[in-house]
């Protein structure tokens, strides 16, 4: 999977989160897309979301959006990615069945431990989402697309 339009790179997740270097980037990239679409889009709205993806793809991120990305979106996104990665890293789809992976040197966590870990990551991610929301509300005059994300039934208005 290409990293085009990803608001954080898998290597950044590996460098700053609880992810080993040997985790395949395809798992992280998929989790980034899910986290962006399910958890960040609703915070920033379609207008800013699409603008950021276009700027990232075109390598033309403005200074204002670089601040938004680096200081507010990426910290939240990192925790949402961890939240979304827990099951895919524990279970694998094969042509025979869905299997729970293990190795001779470690044991996978149980369901209750997985739930506790997801809860912890979600709580942290929600804290960063609230920080992101407050920043955008406070600086809405700099981000006109926050209050005017567009029109249409497919437009997501930010949580304000």
N, C-alpha and C. Protein backbone atom coordinates (compact mmCIF):
# COMPACT_ATOMS: atom_id res chain seq x y z
N UNK A 1 0.85 -1.18 0.00
CA UNK A 1 0.00 0.00 0.00
C UNK A 1 0.89 1.24 0.00
N UNK A 2 0.60 2.17 -0.85
CA UNK A 2 1.37 3.40 -0.93
C UNK A 2 1.05 4.31 0.26
N UNK A 3 1.99 5.17 0.58
CA UNK A 3 1.78 6.08 1.69
C UNK A 3 1.24 7.42 1.22
N UNK A 4 0.77 7.49 -0.04
CA UNK A 4 0.22 8.72 -0.58
C UNK A 4 -1.01 9.14 0.23
N UNK A 5 -1.01 10.37 0.70
CA UNK A 5 -2.15 10.89 1.43
C UNK A 5 -2.23 10.48 2.89
N UNK A 6 -1.26 9.72 3.36
CA UNK A 6 -1.26 9.35 4.77
C UNK A 6 -0.77 10.54 5.59
N UNK A 7 -1.47 10.84 6.67
CA UNK A 7 -1.13 12.00 7.49
C UNK A 7 0.01 11.71 8.45
N UNK A 8 0.44 10.48 8.51
CA UNK A 8 1.61 10.09 9.28
C UNK A 8 2.20 8.88 8.57
N UNK A 9 3.50 8.76 8.57
CA UNK A 9 4.18 7.67 7.88
C UNK A 9 4.36 6.48 8.83
N UNK A 10 4.29 5.26 8.31
CA UNK A 10 4.51 4.09 9.18
C UNK A 10 5.82 4.16 9.97
N UNK A 11 6.87 4.73 9.37
CA UNK A 11 8.14 4.83 10.09
C UNK A 11 8.03 5.75 11.31
N UNK A 12 7.18 6.77 11.22
CA UNK A 12 6.96 7.66 12.35
C UNK A 12 6.23 6.92 13.48
N UNK A 13 5.30 6.06 13.11
CA UNK A 13 4.60 5.24 14.10
C UNK A 13 5.62 4.32 14.78
N UNK A 14 6.46 3.69 14.00
CA UNK A 14 7.46 2.78 14.56
C UNK A 14 8.44 3.52 15.48
N UNK A 15 8.77 4.75 15.11
CA UNK A 15 9.77 5.50 15.89
C UNK A 15 9.21 6.08 17.18
N UNK A 16 7.89 6.34 17.22
CA UNK A 16 7.35 7.06 18.37
C UNK A 16 6.27 6.30 19.14
N UNK A 17 5.88 5.14 18.67
CA UNK A 17 4.82 4.38 19.35
C UNK A 17 5.39 3.02 19.78
N UNK A 18 4.54 2.21 20.32
CA UNK A 18 4.94 0.90 20.86
C UNK A 18 4.94 -0.17 19.77
N UNK A 19 5.52 0.13 18.64
CA UNK A 19 5.52 -0.81 17.51
C UNK A 19 6.95 -1.20 17.18
N UNK A 20 7.21 -2.49 17.09
CA UNK A 20 8.54 -2.96 16.72
C UNK A 20 8.85 -2.61 15.27
N UNK A 21 10.13 -2.45 15.00
CA UNK A 21 10.58 -2.13 13.65
C UNK A 21 10.22 -3.22 12.64
N UNK A 22 10.05 -4.46 13.11
CA UNK A 22 9.80 -5.57 12.18
C UNK A 22 8.34 -5.71 11.78
N UNK A 23 7.45 -4.86 12.30
CA UNK A 23 6.04 -4.92 11.89
C UNK A 23 5.94 -4.44 10.44
N UNK A 24 5.26 -5.22 9.64
CA UNK A 24 5.10 -4.92 8.22
C UNK A 24 4.36 -3.59 8.04
N UNK A 25 4.91 -2.72 7.21
CA UNK A 25 4.31 -1.41 6.93
C UNK A 25 2.88 -1.52 6.41
N UNK A 26 2.53 -2.61 5.73
CA UNK A 26 1.17 -2.72 5.18
C UNK A 26 0.14 -2.75 6.30
N UNK A 27 0.45 -3.36 7.44
CA UNK A 27 -0.49 -3.36 8.57
C UNK A 27 -0.64 -1.95 9.13
N UNK A 28 0.48 -1.28 9.26
CA UNK A 28 0.45 0.08 9.81
C UNK A 28 -0.25 1.03 8.84
N UNK A 29 0.06 0.93 7.56
CA UNK A 29 -0.58 1.80 6.56
C UNK A 29 -2.09 1.61 6.54
N UNK A 30 -2.54 0.36 6.60
CA UNK A 30 -3.98 0.10 6.64
C UNK A 30 -4.61 0.71 7.89
N UNK A 31 -3.94 0.59 9.03
CA UNK A 31 -4.45 1.16 10.27
C UNK A 31 -4.48 2.68 10.20
N UNK A 32 -3.49 3.27 9.53
CA UNK A 32 -3.47 4.73 9.37
C UNK A 32 -4.69 5.19 8.57
N UNK A 33 -4.97 4.52 7.46
CA UNK A 33 -6.12 4.88 6.63
C UNK A 33 -7.41 4.77 7.45
N UNK A 34 -7.57 3.68 8.17
CA UNK A 34 -8.76 3.49 9.00
C UNK A 34 -8.85 4.58 10.06
N UNK A 35 -7.74 4.84 10.74
CA UNK A 35 -7.74 5.87 11.80
C UNK A 35 -8.05 7.25 11.24
N UNK A 36 -7.46 7.58 10.10
CA UNK A 36 -7.76 8.88 9.47
C UNK A 36 -9.24 8.99 9.14
N UNK A 37 -9.76 7.97 8.47
CA UNK A 37 -11.14 8.01 7.99
C UNK A 37 -12.17 7.95 9.13
N UNK A 38 -11.90 7.16 10.15
CA UNK A 38 -12.89 6.96 11.20
C UNK A 38 -12.76 7.91 12.39
N UNK A 39 -11.55 8.40 12.65
CA UNK A 39 -11.34 9.16 13.88
C UNK A 39 -10.87 10.60 13.65
N UNK A 40 -10.16 10.85 12.58
CA UNK A 40 -9.65 12.21 12.33
C UNK A 40 -10.63 13.00 11.45
N UNK A 41 -11.20 12.37 10.44
CA UNK A 41 -12.14 13.05 9.54
C UNK A 41 -13.27 13.72 10.33
N UNK A 42 -13.82 13.02 11.29
CA UNK A 42 -14.95 13.59 12.05
C UNK A 42 -14.51 14.75 12.94
N UNK A 43 -13.23 14.85 13.24
CA UNK A 43 -12.73 15.95 14.07
C UNK A 43 -12.46 17.20 13.24
N UNK A 44 -11.99 17.03 12.01
CA UNK A 44 -11.56 18.19 11.23
C UNK A 44 -12.50 18.51 10.07
N UNK A 45 -13.38 17.59 9.73
CA UNK A 45 -14.32 17.82 8.64
C UNK A 45 -13.71 17.54 7.27
N UNK A 46 -14.60 17.35 6.31
CA UNK A 46 -14.19 17.00 4.94
C UNK A 46 -13.31 18.07 4.30
N UNK A 47 -13.62 19.34 4.53
CA UNK A 47 -12.86 20.41 3.89
C UNK A 47 -11.37 20.36 4.23
N UNK A 48 -11.05 20.38 5.51
CA UNK A 48 -9.64 20.35 5.93
C UNK A 48 -9.03 18.99 5.60
N UNK A 49 -9.79 17.92 5.80
CA UNK A 49 -9.30 16.56 5.53
C UNK A 49 -8.84 16.43 4.08
N UNK A 50 -9.69 16.83 3.15
CA UNK A 50 -9.35 16.72 1.73
C UNK A 50 -8.20 17.66 1.37
N UNK A 51 -8.20 18.86 1.94
CA UNK A 51 -7.11 19.80 1.69
C UNK A 51 -5.77 19.22 2.15
N UNK A 52 -5.75 18.64 3.34
CA UNK A 52 -4.52 18.05 3.86
C UNK A 52 -4.04 16.90 2.97
N UNK A 53 -4.95 16.02 2.59
CA UNK A 53 -4.55 14.88 1.75
C UNK A 53 -4.00 15.36 0.41
N UNK A 54 -4.63 16.38 -0.17
CA UNK A 54 -4.14 16.94 -1.43
C UNK A 54 -2.76 17.55 -1.26
N UNK A 55 -2.57 18.30 -0.19
CA UNK A 55 -1.27 18.93 0.07
C UNK A 55 -0.20 17.88 0.36
N UNK A 56 -0.55 16.85 1.09
CA UNK A 56 0.42 15.79 1.39
C UNK A 56 0.82 15.08 0.11
N UNK A 57 -0.17 14.73 -0.71
CA UNK A 57 0.09 14.04 -1.98
C UNK A 57 0.95 14.90 -2.91
N UNK A 58 0.67 16.20 -2.95
CA UNK A 58 1.42 17.11 -3.81
C UNK A 58 2.69 17.66 -3.19
N UNK A 59 2.97 17.25 -1.96
CA UNK A 59 4.15 17.73 -1.23
C UNK A 59 4.15 19.27 -1.15
N UNK A 60 2.95 19.84 -0.85
CA UNK A 60 2.79 21.29 -0.80
C UNK A 60 2.12 21.73 0.50
N UNK A 61 2.42 21.06 1.59
CA UNK A 61 1.77 21.36 2.87
C UNK A 61 2.17 22.76 3.33
N UNK A 62 1.16 23.58 3.59
CA UNK A 62 1.42 24.95 4.05
C UNK A 62 1.95 24.93 5.48
N UNK A 63 2.54 26.04 5.89
CA UNK A 63 3.07 26.14 7.26
C UNK A 63 1.95 25.96 8.28
N UNK A 64 0.80 26.56 8.01
CA UNK A 64 -0.34 26.44 8.91
C UNK A 64 -0.79 24.98 9.05
N UNK A 65 -0.89 24.29 7.93
CA UNK A 65 -1.29 22.88 7.96
C UNK A 65 -0.20 21.98 8.50
N UNK A 66 1.05 22.37 8.34
CA UNK A 66 2.15 21.60 8.93
C UNK A 66 2.05 21.63 10.46
N UNK A 67 1.68 22.78 11.01
CA UNK A 67 1.46 22.88 12.45
C UNK A 67 0.29 22.01 12.87
N UNK A 68 -0.80 22.10 12.13
CA UNK A 68 -1.98 21.30 12.43
C UNK A 68 -1.63 19.81 12.41
N UNK A 69 -0.92 19.39 11.39
CA UNK A 69 -0.53 17.98 11.27
C UNK A 69 0.43 17.56 12.38
N UNK A 70 1.54 18.26 12.50
CA UNK A 70 2.61 17.83 13.40
C UNK A 70 2.30 17.97 14.87
N UNK A 71 1.57 19.01 15.23
CA UNK A 71 1.32 19.29 16.64
C UNK A 71 0.01 18.69 17.13
N UNK A 72 -0.98 18.53 16.26
CA UNK A 72 -2.30 18.13 16.72
C UNK A 72 -2.82 16.83 16.10
N UNK A 73 -2.75 16.69 14.79
CA UNK A 73 -3.31 15.49 14.16
C UNK A 73 -2.44 14.27 14.38
N UNK A 74 -1.15 14.36 14.12
CA UNK A 74 -0.30 13.19 14.23
C UNK A 74 -0.24 12.59 15.64
N UNK A 75 -0.19 13.40 16.70
CA UNK A 75 -0.23 12.76 18.03
C UNK A 75 -1.52 11.97 18.27
N UNK A 76 -2.66 12.52 17.83
CA UNK A 76 -3.92 11.78 17.97
C UNK A 76 -3.91 10.56 17.08
N UNK A 77 -3.46 10.73 15.86
CA UNK A 77 -3.44 9.65 14.88
C UNK A 77 -2.58 8.48 15.34
N UNK A 78 -1.46 8.79 15.96
CA UNK A 78 -0.56 7.73 16.45
C UNK A 78 -1.31 6.79 17.40
N UNK A 79 -2.08 7.35 18.32
CA UNK A 79 -2.79 6.52 19.30
C UNK A 79 -3.98 5.81 18.66
N UNK A 80 -4.63 6.45 17.69
CA UNK A 80 -5.70 5.76 16.98
C UNK A 80 -5.16 4.60 16.17
N UNK A 81 -3.97 4.76 15.60
CA UNK A 81 -3.35 3.68 14.84
C UNK A 81 -3.06 2.50 15.77
N UNK A 82 -2.51 2.76 16.95
CA UNK A 82 -2.28 1.68 17.90
C UNK A 82 -3.59 0.98 18.25
N UNK A 83 -4.62 1.77 18.48
CA UNK A 83 -5.94 1.24 18.79
C UNK A 83 -6.43 0.32 17.67
N UNK A 84 -6.27 0.75 16.43
CA UNK A 84 -6.75 -0.02 15.28
C UNK A 84 -5.86 -1.23 14.96
N UNK A 85 -4.62 -1.23 15.41
CA UNK A 85 -3.68 -2.30 15.07
C UNK A 85 -3.77 -3.52 15.98
N UNK A 86 -4.40 -3.40 17.12
CA UNK A 86 -4.34 -4.48 18.10
C UNK A 86 -4.83 -5.81 17.52
N UNK A 87 -6.00 -5.85 16.94
CA UNK A 87 -6.50 -7.12 16.40
C UNK A 87 -5.72 -7.58 15.17
N UNK A 88 -5.45 -6.70 14.19
CA UNK A 88 -4.73 -7.20 13.01
C UNK A 88 -3.34 -7.78 13.34
N UNK A 89 -2.72 -7.28 14.38
CA UNK A 89 -1.41 -7.84 14.74
C UNK A 89 -1.53 -9.13 15.54
N UNK A 90 -2.69 -9.36 16.11
CA UNK A 90 -2.91 -10.58 16.90
C UNK A 90 -3.45 -11.72 16.05
N UNK A 91 -4.24 -11.39 15.04
CA UNK A 91 -4.89 -12.40 14.22
C UNK A 91 -4.50 -12.22 12.77
N UNK A 92 -4.37 -13.33 12.06
CA UNK A 92 -4.01 -13.29 10.65
C UNK A 92 -5.03 -14.07 9.84
N UNK A 93 -5.37 -13.53 8.69
CA UNK A 93 -6.26 -14.21 7.76
C UNK A 93 -5.40 -15.03 6.82
N UNK A 94 -5.65 -16.32 6.76
CA UNK A 94 -4.93 -17.20 5.84
C UNK A 94 -5.95 -17.86 4.93
N UNK A 95 -5.48 -18.62 3.97
CA UNK A 95 -6.41 -19.28 3.06
C UNK A 95 -7.11 -20.46 3.73
N UNK A 96 -6.69 -20.84 4.92
CA UNK A 96 -7.31 -21.95 5.64
C UNK A 96 -8.26 -21.48 6.75
N UNK A 97 -7.88 -20.37 7.42
CA UNK A 97 -8.69 -19.91 8.55
C UNK A 97 -8.13 -18.58 9.06
N UNK A 98 -8.82 -18.03 10.03
CA UNK A 98 -8.29 -16.89 10.76
C UNK A 98 -7.54 -17.50 11.94
N UNK A 99 -6.26 -17.16 12.07
CA UNK A 99 -5.43 -17.78 13.09
C UNK A 99 -4.88 -16.75 14.05
N UNK A 100 -4.60 -17.20 15.25
CA UNK A 100 -3.96 -16.37 16.25
C UNK A 100 -2.49 -16.72 16.23
N UNK A 101 -1.66 -15.71 15.95
CA UNK A 101 -0.23 -15.95 15.82
C UNK A 101 0.44 -16.04 17.18
N UNK A 102 1.49 -16.85 17.23
CA UNK A 102 2.38 -16.87 18.38
C UNK A 102 3.76 -17.30 17.91
N UNK A 103 4.71 -17.17 18.77
CA UNK A 103 6.06 -17.60 18.43
C UNK A 103 6.63 -18.34 19.62
N UNK A 104 7.79 -18.92 19.44
CA UNK A 104 8.38 -19.69 20.52
C UNK A 104 8.92 -18.81 21.65
N UNK A 105 9.11 -17.52 21.39
CA UNK A 105 9.67 -16.63 22.40
C UNK A 105 8.66 -15.72 23.07
N UNK A 106 7.41 -15.76 22.65
CA UNK A 106 6.40 -14.88 23.23
C UNK A 106 5.03 -15.51 23.12
N UNK A 107 4.10 -14.98 23.90
CA UNK A 107 2.72 -15.45 23.86
C UNK A 107 1.81 -14.27 23.60
N UNK A 108 0.80 -14.46 22.75
CA UNK A 108 -0.14 -13.36 22.52
C UNK A 108 -0.95 -13.07 23.79
N UNK A 109 -1.44 -11.86 23.88
CA UNK A 109 -2.24 -11.48 25.04
C UNK A 109 -3.64 -12.06 24.93
N UNK A 110 -4.31 -12.15 26.06
CA UNK A 110 -5.68 -12.65 26.08
C UNK A 110 -6.66 -11.56 25.69
N UNK A 111 -7.91 -11.95 25.54
CA UNK A 111 -8.95 -11.02 25.10
C UNK A 111 -9.13 -9.89 26.12
N UNK A 112 -9.15 -10.20 27.40
CA UNK A 112 -9.34 -9.15 28.41
C UNK A 112 -8.17 -8.18 28.42
N UNK A 113 -6.97 -8.68 28.24
CA UNK A 113 -5.80 -7.79 28.17
C UNK A 113 -5.87 -6.92 26.91
N UNK A 114 -6.32 -7.51 25.82
CA UNK A 114 -6.46 -6.77 24.57
C UNK A 114 -7.50 -5.66 24.74
N UNK A 115 -8.59 -5.96 25.40
CA UNK A 115 -9.63 -4.96 25.64
C UNK A 115 -9.11 -3.83 26.51
N UNK A 116 -8.37 -4.18 27.55
CA UNK A 116 -7.79 -3.15 28.42
C UNK A 116 -6.82 -2.26 27.66
N UNK A 117 -6.02 -2.86 26.81
CA UNK A 117 -5.06 -2.09 26.02
C UNK A 117 -5.77 -1.18 25.03
N UNK A 118 -6.80 -1.70 24.37
CA UNK A 118 -7.58 -0.87 23.45
C UNK A 118 -8.21 0.31 24.18
N UNK A 119 -8.77 0.04 25.37
CA UNK A 119 -9.36 1.12 26.16
C UNK A 119 -8.34 2.19 26.50
N UNK A 120 -7.14 1.76 26.88
CA UNK A 120 -6.08 2.71 27.21
C UNK A 120 -5.72 3.56 26.00
N UNK A 121 -5.51 2.92 24.85
CA UNK A 121 -5.15 3.65 23.64
C UNK A 121 -6.27 4.59 23.20
N UNK A 122 -7.53 4.13 23.30
CA UNK A 122 -8.67 4.98 22.93
C UNK A 122 -8.75 6.20 23.83
N UNK A 123 -8.54 6.02 25.13
CA UNK A 123 -8.58 7.16 26.06
C UNK A 123 -7.51 8.19 25.73
N UNK A 124 -6.33 7.73 25.42
CA UNK A 124 -5.24 8.65 25.06
C UNK A 124 -5.59 9.35 23.75
N UNK A 125 -6.04 8.59 22.76
CA UNK A 125 -6.39 9.16 21.45
C UNK A 125 -7.51 10.18 21.58
N UNK A 126 -8.50 9.89 22.41
CA UNK A 126 -9.60 10.84 22.60
C UNK A 126 -9.12 12.12 23.27
N UNK A 127 -8.15 12.02 24.16
CA UNK A 127 -7.58 13.22 24.78
C UNK A 127 -6.93 14.09 23.71
N UNK A 128 -6.15 13.47 22.83
CA UNK A 128 -5.51 14.22 21.74
C UNK A 128 -6.55 14.75 20.75
N UNK A 129 -7.62 14.01 20.50
CA UNK A 129 -8.69 14.51 19.64
C UNK A 129 -9.32 15.77 20.23
N UNK A 130 -9.53 15.78 21.53
CA UNK A 130 -10.10 16.96 22.18
C UNK A 130 -9.15 18.15 22.07
N UNK A 131 -7.87 17.89 22.21
CA UNK A 131 -6.86 18.94 22.05
C UNK A 131 -6.91 19.49 20.62
N UNK A 132 -7.02 18.61 19.65
CA UNK A 132 -7.15 19.00 18.24
C UNK A 132 -8.40 19.84 18.02
N UNK A 133 -9.52 19.40 18.57
CA UNK A 133 -10.78 20.12 18.41
C UNK A 133 -10.68 21.53 19.00
N UNK A 134 -10.12 21.64 20.19
CA UNK A 134 -9.99 22.95 20.84
C UNK A 134 -9.08 23.88 20.04
N UNK A 135 -8.02 23.33 19.48
CA UNK A 135 -7.13 24.14 18.66
C UNK A 135 -7.88 24.70 17.45
N UNK A 136 -8.63 23.85 16.78
CA UNK A 136 -9.36 24.29 15.59
C UNK A 136 -10.47 25.29 15.93
N UNK A 137 -11.14 25.09 17.04
CA UNK A 137 -12.16 26.05 17.46
C UNK A 137 -11.51 27.40 17.76
N UNK A 138 -10.41 27.37 18.49
CA UNK A 138 -9.71 28.61 18.85
C UNK A 138 -9.14 29.32 17.63
N UNK A 139 -8.72 28.56 16.64
CA UNK A 139 -8.08 29.13 15.46
C UNK A 139 -8.93 28.99 14.20
N UNK A 140 -10.25 28.95 14.37
CA UNK A 140 -11.14 28.72 13.23
C UNK A 140 -11.03 29.82 12.17
N UNK A 141 -10.60 31.01 12.57
CA UNK A 141 -10.44 32.07 11.56
C UNK A 141 -9.28 31.76 10.61
N UNK A 142 -8.31 30.98 11.04
CA UNK A 142 -7.20 30.57 10.17
C UNK A 142 -7.56 29.37 9.30
N UNK A 143 -8.57 28.63 9.72
CA UNK A 143 -8.99 27.41 9.01
C UNK A 143 -10.44 27.58 8.56
N UNK A 144 -10.63 28.31 7.48
CA UNK A 144 -11.98 28.61 7.01
C UNK A 144 -12.76 27.33 6.66
N UNK A 145 -12.06 26.29 6.25
CA UNK A 145 -12.74 25.04 5.90
C UNK A 145 -13.28 24.30 7.12
N UNK A 146 -12.86 24.72 8.30
CA UNK A 146 -13.37 24.08 9.52
C UNK A 146 -14.86 24.40 9.69
N UNK A 147 -15.22 25.65 9.53
CA UNK A 147 -16.62 26.05 9.67
C UNK A 147 -17.41 25.90 8.37
N UNK A 148 -16.71 25.78 7.25
CA UNK A 148 -17.35 25.65 5.94
C UNK A 148 -16.72 24.48 5.17
N UNK A 149 -17.01 23.25 5.59
CA UNK A 149 -16.35 22.10 4.97
C UNK A 149 -16.89 21.73 3.59
N UNK A 150 -17.95 22.40 3.18
CA UNK A 150 -18.55 22.09 1.88
C UNK A 150 -20.00 21.71 2.07
N UNK A 151 -20.63 21.35 0.96
CA UNK A 151 -22.04 20.96 1.00
C UNK A 151 -22.20 19.62 0.31
N UNK A 152 -23.27 18.96 0.63
CA UNK A 152 -23.56 17.66 0.04
C UNK A 152 -23.76 16.63 1.12
N UNK A 153 -24.42 15.55 0.75
CA UNK A 153 -24.72 14.52 1.75
C UNK A 153 -23.48 13.74 2.17
N UNK A 154 -22.42 13.80 1.38
CA UNK A 154 -21.20 13.07 1.73
C UNK A 154 -20.20 13.92 2.51
N UNK A 155 -20.54 15.13 2.83
CA UNK A 155 -19.65 16.02 3.55
C UNK A 155 -19.76 15.75 5.06
N UNK A 156 -18.60 15.60 5.69
CA UNK A 156 -18.56 15.40 7.14
C UNK A 156 -18.25 16.75 7.79
N UNK A 157 -19.14 17.18 8.66
CA UNK A 157 -18.93 18.41 9.41
C UNK A 157 -18.16 18.08 10.67
N UNK A 158 -17.18 18.89 11.04
CA UNK A 158 -16.35 18.55 12.20
C UNK A 158 -17.13 18.58 13.51
N UNK A 159 -16.63 17.79 14.45
CA UNK A 159 -17.20 17.79 15.81
C UNK A 159 -16.75 19.04 16.49
N UNK A 160 -17.66 19.99 16.64
CA UNK A 160 -17.32 21.21 17.34
C UNK A 160 -18.31 21.42 18.45
